[in-house]
PDB file of N, CA and C in Angstrom:
ATOM      1  N   UNK A   1      30.516  40.234 -73.157  1.00  0.00           N
ATOM      2  CA  UNK A   1      30.634  38.875 -73.702  1.00  0.00           C
ATOM      3  C   UNK A   1      32.205  38.522 -73.976  1.00  0.00           C
ATOM      4  N   UNK A   2      32.833  39.486 -74.491  1.00  0.00           N
ATOM      5  CA  UNK A   2      34.150  39.301 -74.880  1.00  0.00           C
ATOM      6  C   UNK A   2      34.983  38.907 -73.794  1.00  0.00           C
ATOM      7  N   UNK A   3      34.732  39.696 -72.738  1.00  0.00           N
ATOM      8  CA  UNK A   3      35.504  39.261 -71.509  1.00  0.00           C
ATOM      9  C   UNK A   3      35.405  37.944 -70.964  1.00  0.00           C
ATOM     10  N   UNK A   4      34.123  37.333 -71.110  1.00  0.00           N
ATOM     11  CA  UNK A   4      33.835  35.873 -70.728  1.00  0.00           C
ATOM     12  C   UNK A   4      34.719  34.951 -71.661  1.00  0.00           C
ATOM     13  N   UNK A   5      34.625  35.208 -72.946  1.00  0.00           N
ATOM     14  CA  UNK A   5      35.372  34.367 -73.892  1.00  0.00           C
ATOM     15  C   UNK A   5      36.739  34.446 -73.685  1.00  0.00           C
ATOM     16  N   UNK A   6      37.369  35.654 -73.462  1.00  0.00           N
ATOM     17  CA  UNK A   6      38.828  35.843 -73.219  1.00  0.00           C
ATOM     18  C   UNK A   6      39.171  35.058 -71.807  1.00  0.00           C
ATOM     19  N   UNK A   7      38.142  35.134 -70.984  1.00  0.00           N
ATOM     20  CA  UNK A   7      38.492  34.603 -69.567  1.00  0.00           C
ATOM     21  C   UNK A   7      38.591  33.080 -69.766  1.00  0.00           C
ATOM     22  N   UNK A   8      37.607  32.426 -70.510  1.00  0.00           N
ATOM     23  CA  UNK A   8      37.655  30.907 -70.694  1.00  0.00           C
ATOM     24  C   UNK A   8      38.880  30.471 -71.515  1.00  0.00           C
ATOM     25  N   UNK A   9      39.098  31.310 -72.451  1.00  0.00           N
ATOM     26  CA  UNK A   9      40.315  31.170 -73.280  1.00  0.00           C
ATOM     27  C   UNK A   9      41.539  31.166 -72.497  1.00  0.00           C
ATOM     28  N   UNK A  10      41.663  32.242 -71.515  1.00  0.00           N
ATOM     29  CA  UNK A  10      42.756  32.390 -70.694  1.00  0.00           C
ATOM     30  C   UNK A  10      43.041  31.230 -69.717  1.00  0.00           C
ATOM     31  N   UNK A  11      41.933  30.800 -69.261  1.00  0.00           N
ATOM     32  CA  UNK A  11      42.056  29.626 -68.451  1.00  0.00           C
ATOM     33  C   UNK A  11      42.332  28.320 -69.141  1.00  0.00           C
ATOM     34  N   UNK A  12      41.866  28.149 -70.397  1.00  0.00           N
ATOM     35  CA  UNK A  12      42.576  27.044 -71.135  1.00  0.00           C
ATOM     36  C   UNK A  12      44.003  27.255 -71.355  1.00  0.00           C
ATOM     37  N   UNK A  13      44.440  28.349 -71.865  1.00  0.00           N
ATOM     38  CA  UNK A  13      45.848  28.727 -71.900  1.00  0.00           C
ATOM     39  C   UNK A  13      46.743  28.332 -70.762  1.00  0.00           C
ATOM     40  N   UNK A  14      46.124  28.837 -69.729  1.00  0.00           N
ATOM     41  CA  UNK A  14      46.928  28.488 -68.333  1.00  0.00           C
ATOM     42  C   UNK A  14      46.990  26.925 -68.098  1.00  0.00           C
ATOM     43  N   UNK A  15      45.795  26.259 -68.359  1.00  0.00           N
ATOM     44  CA  UNK A  15      45.881  24.786 -68.267  1.00  0.00           C
ATOM     45  C   UNK A  15      46.869  24.178 -69.234  1.00  0.00           C
ATOM     46  N   UNK A  16      46.903  24.584 -70.416  1.00  0.00           N
ATOM     47  CA  UNK A  16      47.725  24.261 -71.380  1.00  0.00           C
ATOM     48  C   UNK A  16      49.089  24.400 -70.926  1.00  0.00           C
ATOM     49  N   UNK A  17      49.583  25.651 -70.481  1.00  0.00           N
ATOM     50  CA  UNK A  17      50.844  25.876 -70.013  1.00  0.00           C
ATOM     51  C   UNK A  17      51.212  24.944 -68.630  1.00  0.00           C
ATOM     52  N   UNK A  18      50.210  24.604 -67.781  1.00  0.00           N
ATOM     53  CA  UNK A  18      50.472  23.665 -66.837  1.00  0.00           C
ATOM     54  C   UNK A  18      50.639  22.235 -67.273  1.00  0.00           C
ATOM     55  N   UNK A  19      50.070  21.982 -68.434  1.00  0.00           N
ATOM     56  CA  UNK A  19      50.234  20.749 -68.958  1.00  0.00           C
ATOM     57  C   UNK A  19      51.537  20.464 -69.713  1.00  0.00           C
ATOM     58  N   UNK A  20      51.948  21.525 -70.342  1.00  0.00           N
ATOM     59  CA  UNK A  20      53.300  21.513 -70.933  1.00  0.00           C
ATOM     60  C   UNK A  20      54.426  21.317 -69.971  1.00  0.00           C
ATOM     61  N   UNK A  21      54.299  22.056 -68.789  1.00  0.00           N
ATOM     62  CA  UNK A  21      55.212  21.966 -67.676  1.00  0.00           C
ATOM     63  C   UNK A  21      55.035  20.751 -66.748  1.00  0.00           C
ATOM     64  N   UNK A  22      53.977  19.970 -67.144  1.00  0.00           N
ATOM     65  CA  UNK A  22      53.615  18.881 -66.306  1.00  0.00           C
ATOM     66  C   UNK A  22      53.320  19.179 -64.914  1.00  0.00           C
ATOM     67  N   UNK A  23      52.674  20.406 -64.682  1.00  0.00           N
ATOM     68  CA  UNK A  23      52.177  20.782 -63.507  1.00  0.00           C
ATOM     69  C   UNK A  23      53.283  20.811 -62.209  1.00  0.00           C
ATOM     70  N   UNK A  24      54.683  20.962 -62.766  1.00  0.00           N
ATOM     71  CA  UNK A  24      55.802  21.064 -61.773  1.00  0.00           C
ATOM     72  C   UNK A  24      55.901  22.644 -61.290  1.00  0.00           C
ATOM     73  N   UNK A  25      54.949  23.035 -60.481  1.00  0.00           N
ATOM     74  CA  UNK A  25      54.951  24.400 -60.173  1.00  0.00           C
ATOM     75  C   UNK A  25      56.056  24.938 -59.474  1.00  0.00           C
ATOM     76  N   UNK A  26      56.946  24.003 -58.946  1.00  0.00           N
ATOM     77  CA  UNK A  26      57.948  24.508 -58.059  1.00  0.00           C
ATOM     78  C   UNK A  26      59.326  24.239 -58.784  1.00  0.00           C
ATOM     79  N   UNK A  27      59.067  23.806 -60.213  1.00  0.00           N
ATOM     80  CA  UNK A  27      59.986  23.540 -61.151  1.00  0.00           C
ATOM     81  C   UNK A  27      60.901  24.954 -61.688  1.00  0.00           C
ATOM     82  N   UNK A  28      61.884  24.627 -62.408  1.00  0.00           N
ATOM     83  CA  UNK A  28      62.742  25.759 -62.839  1.00  0.00           C
ATOM     84  C   UNK A  28      61.998  26.976 -63.613  1.00  0.00           C
ATOM     85  N   UNK A  29      61.102  26.311 -64.456  1.00  0.00           N
ATOM     86  CA  UNK A  29      60.287  27.343 -65.343  1.00  0.00           C
ATOM     87  C   UNK A  29      59.314  28.167 -64.493  1.00  0.00           C
ATOM     88  N   UNK A  30      58.659  27.599 -63.490  1.00  0.00           N
ATOM     89  CA  UNK A  30      57.735  28.427 -62.818  1.00  0.00           C
ATOM     90  C   UNK A  30      58.523  29.239 -61.778  1.00  0.00           C
ATOM     91  N   UNK A  31      59.596  28.753 -61.187  1.00  0.00           N
ATOM     92  CA  UNK A  31      60.427  29.713 -60.488  1.00  0.00           C
ATOM     93  C   UNK A  31      60.719  31.094 -61.196  1.00  0.00           C
ATOM     94  N   UNK A  32      61.343  30.645 -62.473  1.00  0.00           N
ATOM     95  CA  UNK A  32      61.751  31.797 -63.055  1.00  0.00           C
ATOM     96  C   UNK A  32      60.545  32.769 -63.603  1.00  0.00           C
ATOM     97  N   UNK A  33      59.417  32.152 -63.845  1.00  0.00           N
ATOM     98  CA  UNK A  33      58.088  32.988 -64.115  1.00  0.00           C
ATOM     99  C   UNK A  33      57.749  34.003 -63.000  1.00  0.00           C
ATOM    100  N   UNK A  34      57.772  33.170 -61.928  1.00  0.00           N
ATOM    101  CA  UNK A  34      57.431  34.058 -60.700  1.00  0.00           C
ATOM    102  C   UNK A  34      58.350  35.175 -60.294  1.00  0.00           C
ATOM    103  N   UNK A  35      59.635  34.878 -60.660  1.00  0.00           N
ATOM    104  CA  UNK A  35      60.597  35.980 -60.375  1.00  0.00           C
ATOM    105  C   UNK A  35      60.626  37.043 -61.197  1.00  0.00           C
ATOM    106  N   UNK A  36      60.443  36.881 -62.521  1.00  0.00           N
ATOM    107  CA  UNK A  36      60.275  37.909 -63.627  1.00  0.00           C
ATOM    108  C   UNK A  36      59.068  38.509 -63.417  1.00  0.00           C
ATOM    109  N   UNK A  37      57.929  37.940 -62.902  1.00  0.00           N
ATOM    110  CA  UNK A  37      56.633  38.542 -62.781  1.00  0.00           C
ATOM    111  C   UNK A  37      56.481  39.463 -61.480  1.00  0.00           C
ATOM    112  N   UNK A  38      57.134  38.944 -60.458  1.00  0.00           N
ATOM    113  CA  UNK A  38      56.856  39.469 -59.029  1.00  0.00           C
ATOM    114  C   UNK A  38      57.963  39.796 -58.366  1.00  0.00           C
ATOM    115  N   UNK A  39      59.239  39.520 -58.986  1.00  0.00           N
ATOM    116  CA  UNK A  39      60.396  39.810 -58.273  1.00  0.00           C
ATOM    117  C   UNK A  39      60.810  38.614 -57.460  1.00  0.00           C
ATOM    118  N   UNK A  40      62.098  38.504 -56.923  1.00  0.00           N
ATOM    119  CA  UNK A  40      62.611  37.424 -56.123  1.00  0.00           C
ATOM    120  C   UNK A  40      62.480  37.597 -54.745  1.00  0.00           C
ATOM    121  N   UNK A  41      62.104  38.699 -54.141  1.00  0.00           N
ATOM    122  CA  UNK A  41      61.870  38.696 -52.861  1.00  0.00           C
ATOM    123  C   UNK A  41      60.358  38.369 -52.379  1.00  0.00           C
ATOM    124  N   UNK A  42      60.246  37.144 -51.869  1.00  0.00           N
ATOM    125  CA  UNK A  42      58.866  36.589 -51.643  1.00  0.00           C
ATOM    126  C   UNK A  42      57.976  37.554 -50.652  1.00  0.00           C
ATOM    127  N   UNK A  43      58.715  38.261 -49.774  1.00  0.00           N
ATOM    128  CA  UNK A  43      57.870  39.112 -48.732  1.00  0.00           C
ATOM    129  C   UNK A  43      57.338  40.178 -49.445  1.00  0.00           C
ATOM    130  N   UNK A  44      57.888  40.589 -50.646  1.00  0.00           N
ATOM    131  CA  UNK A  44      57.345  41.918 -51.396  1.00  0.00           C
ATOM    132  C   UNK A  44      56.448  41.564 -52.468  1.00  0.00           C
ATOM    133  N   UNK A  45      56.143  40.259 -52.801  1.00  0.00           N
ATOM    134  CA  UNK A  45      54.930  39.756 -53.592  1.00  0.00           C
ATOM    135  C   UNK A  45      53.682  40.282 -52.982  1.00  0.00           C
ATOM    136  N   UNK A  46      52.896  40.613 -54.224  1.00  0.00           N
ATOM    137  CA  UNK A  46      51.367  41.036 -53.922  1.00  0.00           C
ATOM    138  C   UNK A  46      50.686  40.036 -53.286  1.00  0.00           C
ATOM    139  N   UNK A  47      49.503  40.435 -52.648  1.00  0.00           N
ATOM    140  CA  UNK A  47      48.734  39.267 -51.761  1.00  0.00           C
ATOM    141  C   UNK A  47      48.184  38.414 -52.875  1.00  0.00           C
ATOM    142  N   UNK A  48      47.670  37.243 -52.351  1.00  0.00           N
ATOM    143  CA  UNK A  48      47.151  36.289 -53.194  1.00  0.00           C
ATOM    144  C   UNK A  48      46.063  36.763 -54.082  1.00  0.00           C
ATOM    145  N   UNK A  49      45.132  37.497 -53.713  1.00  0.00           N
ATOM    146  CA  UNK A  49      44.213  38.010 -54.651  1.00  0.00           C
ATOM    147  C   UNK A  49      44.620  38.589 -55.875  1.00  0.00           C
ATOM    148  N   UNK A  50      45.570  39.613 -55.595  1.00  0.00           N
ATOM    149  CA  UNK A  50      46.209  40.442 -56.735  1.00  0.00           C
ATOM    150  C   UNK A  50      46.969  39.406 -57.560  1.00  0.00           C
ATOM    151  N   UNK A  51      47.627  38.453 -57.114  1.00  0.00           N
ATOM    152  CA  UNK A  51      48.384  37.544 -57.842  1.00  0.00           C
ATOM    153  C   UNK A  51      47.667  36.678 -58.763  1.00  0.00           C
ATOM    154  N   UNK A  52      46.422  36.252 -58.218  1.00  0.00           N
ATOM    155  CA  UNK A  52      45.492  35.407 -59.056  1.00  0.00           C
ATOM    156  C   UNK A  52      44.927  36.223 -60.310  1.00  0.00           C
ATOM    157  N   UNK A  53      44.602  37.500 -59.841  1.00  0.00           N
ATOM    158  CA  UNK A  53      44.250  38.603 -60.872  1.00  0.00           C
ATOM    159  C   UNK A  53      45.109  38.607 -61.893  1.00  0.00           C
ATOM    160  N   UNK A  54      46.479  38.988 -61.581  1.00  0.00           N
ATOM    161  CA  UNK A  54      47.574  39.138 -62.637  1.00  0.00           C
ATOM    162  C   UNK A  54      47.713  37.808 -63.378  1.00  0.00           C
ATOM    163  N   UNK A  55      47.643  36.567 -62.764  1.00  0.00           N
ATOM    164  CA  UNK A  55      47.781  35.452 -63.669  1.00  0.00           C
ATOM    165  C   UNK A  55      46.671  35.115 -64.655  1.00  0.00           C
ATOM    166  N   UNK A  56      45.374  35.558 -64.223  1.00  0.00           N
ATOM    167  CA  UNK A  56      44.371  35.536 -65.087  1.00  0.00           C
ATOM    168  C   UNK A  56      44.460  36.537 -66.092  1.00  0.00           C
ATOM    169  N   UNK A  57      44.905  37.789 -65.860  1.00  0.00           N
ATOM    170  CA  UNK A  57      45.213  38.661 -66.852  1.00  0.00           C
ATOM    171  C   UNK A  57      46.147  38.105 -67.973  1.00  0.00           C
ATOM    172  N   UNK A  58      47.288  37.335 -67.391  1.00  0.00           N
ATOM    173  CA  UNK A  58      48.274  36.869 -68.410  1.00  0.00           C
ATOM    174  C   UNK A  58      47.714  35.663 -69.151  1.00  0.00           C
ATOM    175  N   UNK A  59      46.677  35.043 -68.621  1.00  0.00           N
ATOM    176  CA  UNK A  59      46.177  34.020 -69.492  1.00  0.00           C
ATOM    177  C   UNK A  59      45.309  34.515 -70.348  1.00  0.00           C
ATOM    178  N   UNK A  60      44.557  35.688 -70.210  1.00  0.00           N
ATOM    179  CA  UNK A  60      43.852  36.338 -71.199  1.00  0.00           C
ATOM    180  C   UNK A  60      44.734  36.852 -72.248  1.00  0.00           C
ATOM    181  N   UNK A  61      45.731  37.511 -71.899  1.00  0.00           N
ATOM    182  CA  UNK A  61      46.710  37.888 -72.975  1.00  0.00           C
ATOM    183  C   UNK A  61      47.387  36.978 -73.838  1.00  0.00           C
ATOM    184  N   UNK A  62      47.658  35.919 -73.237  1.00  0.00           N
ATOM    185  CA  UNK A  62      48.229  34.780 -74.130  1.00  0.00           C
ATOM    186  C   UNK A  62      47.062  34.268 -75.066  1.00  0.00           C
ATOM    187  N   UNK A  63      45.854  34.190 -74.617  1.00  0.00           N
ATOM    188  CA  UNK A  63      44.733  33.821 -75.379  1.00  0.00           C
ATOM    189  C   UNK A  63      44.318  34.669 -76.590  1.00  0.00           C
ATOM    190  N   UNK A  64      44.547  36.037 -76.320  1.00  0.00           N
ATOM    191  CA  UNK A  64      44.447  37.006 -77.457  1.00  0.00           C
ATOM    192  C   UNK A  64      45.554  36.916 -78.398  1.00  0.00           C
ATOM    193  N   UNK A  65      46.898  36.787 -77.924  1.00  0.00           N
ATOM    194  CA  UNK A  65      48.081  36.778 -78.755  1.00  0.00           C
ATOM    195  C   UNK A  65      47.932  35.516 -79.737  1.00  0.00           C
ATOM    196  N   UNK A  66      47.612  34.187 -79.095  1.00  0.00           N
ATOM    197  CA  UNK A  66      47.502  33.139 -80.040  1.00  0.00           C
ATOM    198  C   UNK A  66      46.408  33.170 -80.968  1.00  0.00           C
ATOM    199  N   UNK A  67      45.197  33.953 -80.690  1.00  0.00           N
ATOM    200  CA  UNK A  67      44.331  34.202 -81.585  1.00  0.00           C
ATOM    201  C   UNK A  67      44.410  35.243 -82.572  1.00  0.00           C
ATOM    202  N   UNK A  68      45.334  36.095 -82.303  1.00  0.00           N
ATOM    203  CA  UNK A  68      45.797  37.004 -83.219  1.00  0.00           C
ATOM    204  C   UNK A  68      45.070  38.491 -83.224  1.00  0.00           C
ATOM    205  N   UNK A  69      44.395  38.672 -81.943  1.00  0.00           N
ATOM    206  CA  UNK A  69      43.716  39.823 -81.845  1.00  0.00           C
ATOM    207  C   UNK A  69      44.682  41.137 -81.411  1.00  0.00           C
TER     208      UNK A  69
END
């Protein structure tokens, strides 16, 4: 059950981050975030499925940090 609440909270945090950055996913913040998370060489980035998993893990982590767990 905790995984589900963390996932929902993580999705909320990702939506919140998207809202704060006005969903400009090709803007400077998101380019910087992608480079620090996955490196600057696009050809060496993980497959889409792994990247989505990593982004959801990040959202869950942000949710737990903001909640204070």
